[in-house]
Protein backbone atom coordinates (compact mmCIF):
# COMPACT_ATOMS: atom_id res chain seq x y z
CA MET A 1 0.00 0.00 0.00
CA ASP A 2 1.21 3.48 -0.84
CA GLU A 3 2.09 5.78 2.02
CA ARG A 4 -0.49 8.47 2.62
CA ILE A 5 -1.61 11.20 4.97
CA SER A 6 -5.15 12.06 6.02
CA ARG A 7 -6.89 15.29 5.12
CA GLU A 8 -7.23 16.16 8.80
CA GLU A 9 -3.48 15.75 9.40
CA LEU A 10 -2.70 17.93 6.38
CA VAL A 11 -5.04 20.64 7.61
CA LYS A 12 -3.26 20.69 10.98
CA ILE A 13 0.29 20.49 9.62
CA TYR A 14 -0.13 23.11 6.90
CA ASN A 15 -2.57 25.27 8.86
CA ILE A 16 -5.05 25.44 5.99
CA GLU A 17 -8.81 25.46 5.75
CA ILE A 18 -10.41 22.07 5.18
CA THR A 19 -12.59 23.67 2.48
CA PHE A 20 -9.44 24.58 0.52
CA PHE A 21 -8.37 20.94 0.51
CA ASP A 22 -11.84 19.87 -0.61
CA GLU A 23 -11.83 22.51 -3.37
CA LEU A 24 -8.52 21.17 -4.68
CA VAL A 25 -10.06 17.70 -4.81
CA ASP A 26 -13.31 18.88 -6.40
CA SER A 27 -11.42 20.81 -9.09
CA GLY A 28 -9.28 17.77 -9.91
CA LEU A 29 -6.01 19.46 -8.96
CA ILE A 30 -5.22 16.70 -6.45
CA ASN A 31 -6.37 13.10 -6.25
CA ILE A 32 -7.24 11.35 -3.04
CA GLN A 33 -8.06 7.93 -1.70
CA THR A 34 -11.04 7.44 0.58
CA GLU A 35 -11.21 4.66 3.13
CA ASN A 36 -13.85 4.40 5.86
CA GLU A 37 -14.98 7.95 4.99
CA VAL A 38 -11.47 9.31 5.66
CA ARG A 39 -9.82 11.18 2.79
CA TYR A 40 -6.12 10.54 2.19
CA LEU A 41 -3.50 12.17 0.00
CA LEU A 42 -0.70 9.91 -1.24
CA TYR A 43 2.80 11.03 -0.27
CA LYS A 44 3.79 11.07 -3.93
CA ASP A 45 1.19 13.82 -4.47
CA LEU A 46 2.45 15.99 -1.59
CA PRO A 47 4.65 18.21 -3.80
CA SER A 48 1.64 19.23 -5.90
CA PHE A 49 -0.44 19.84 -2.79
CA GLU A 50 2.34 21.97 -1.27
CA LYS A 51 2.72 23.94 -4.50
CA PHE A 52 -1.00 24.74 -4.64
CA THR A 53 -1.06 25.58 -0.93
CA ASN A 54 1.91 27.95 -1.27
CA TRP A 55 0.44 29.65 -4.33
CA HIS A 56 -2.91 30.09 -2.61
CA TYR A 57 -1.82 31.21 0.85
CA ASP A 58 1.50 32.92 0.09
CA LEU A 59 0.68 34.50 -3.28
CA ASP A 60 -3.07 34.89 -2.71
CA ILE A 61 -4.00 33.05 -5.91
CA ASN A 62 -7.61 31.89 -5.98
CA LEU A 63 -8.77 28.44 -7.13
CA PRO A 64 -9.54 29.44 -10.74
CA GLY A 65 -6.06 30.99 -10.90
CA LEU A 66 -4.52 27.77 -9.58
CA GLU A 67 -6.33 25.82 -12.27
CA VAL A 68 -5.13 28.17 -15.03
CA ILE A 69 -1.52 28.11 -13.82
CA HIS A 70 -1.56 24.33 -13.43
CA ASN A 71 -2.98 23.85 -16.94
CA MET A 72 -0.47 26.26 -18.48
CA LEU A 73 2.47 24.56 -16.76
CA GLN A 74 1.18 21.16 -17.88
CA LYS A 75 0.91 22.39 -21.48
CA MET A 76 4.43 23.80 -21.28
CA GLU A 77 5.73 20.44 -20.03
CA ASP A 78 3.88 18.65 -22.84
CA LEU A 79 5.40 21.03 -25.39
CA LYS A 80 8.89 20.46 -23.95
CA GLN A 81 8.41 16.71 -24.28
CA LYS A 82 7.14 17.07 -27.87
CA ASN A 83 10.13 19.31 -28.66
CA ARG A 84 12.54 16.68 -27.30
CA GLU A 85 10.84 14.02 -29.43
CA LEU A 86 11.03 16.18 -32.56
CA LEU A 87 14.68 17.04 -31.93
CA GLY A 88 15.42 13.34 -31.56
CA LYS A 89 13.72 12.58 -34.88
CA LEU A 90 15.52 15.47 -36.56
CA SER A 91 18.83 14.24 -35.22
CA ALA A 92 18.12 10.73 -36.53
CA ILE A 93 17.25 12.09 -39.96
CA SER A 94 20.34 14.30 -39.96
CA ASP A 95 22.55 11.35 -39.00
CA LYS A 96 21.01 9.26 -41.79
CA TYR A 97 21.85 11.86 -44.42
CA GLU A 98 25.35 12.41 -43.09
CA ASP A 99 26.07 8.69 -43.42
CA ALA A 100 24.85 8.62 -47.01
């Protein structure tokens, strides 16, 4: 079983509102596991949770803003990956013509 932390523990540790956690879940920004009506966040998802918490509480970014920023960063990462793939293909084609 993956290591996880309960919503209630996160609220205490990070000193956040429980509604903020629930809004992150409802918006799809974080995924949770539920067992016996207790909501858990997997440890592997803690960095994303911390990022959203910092943006919201430290930078005063509202939930729609968090969604926009998250989507833009995801698109940028997708474009970087596509760029790496295209550069790899271009390099392979270039090598093929150099050998000819």
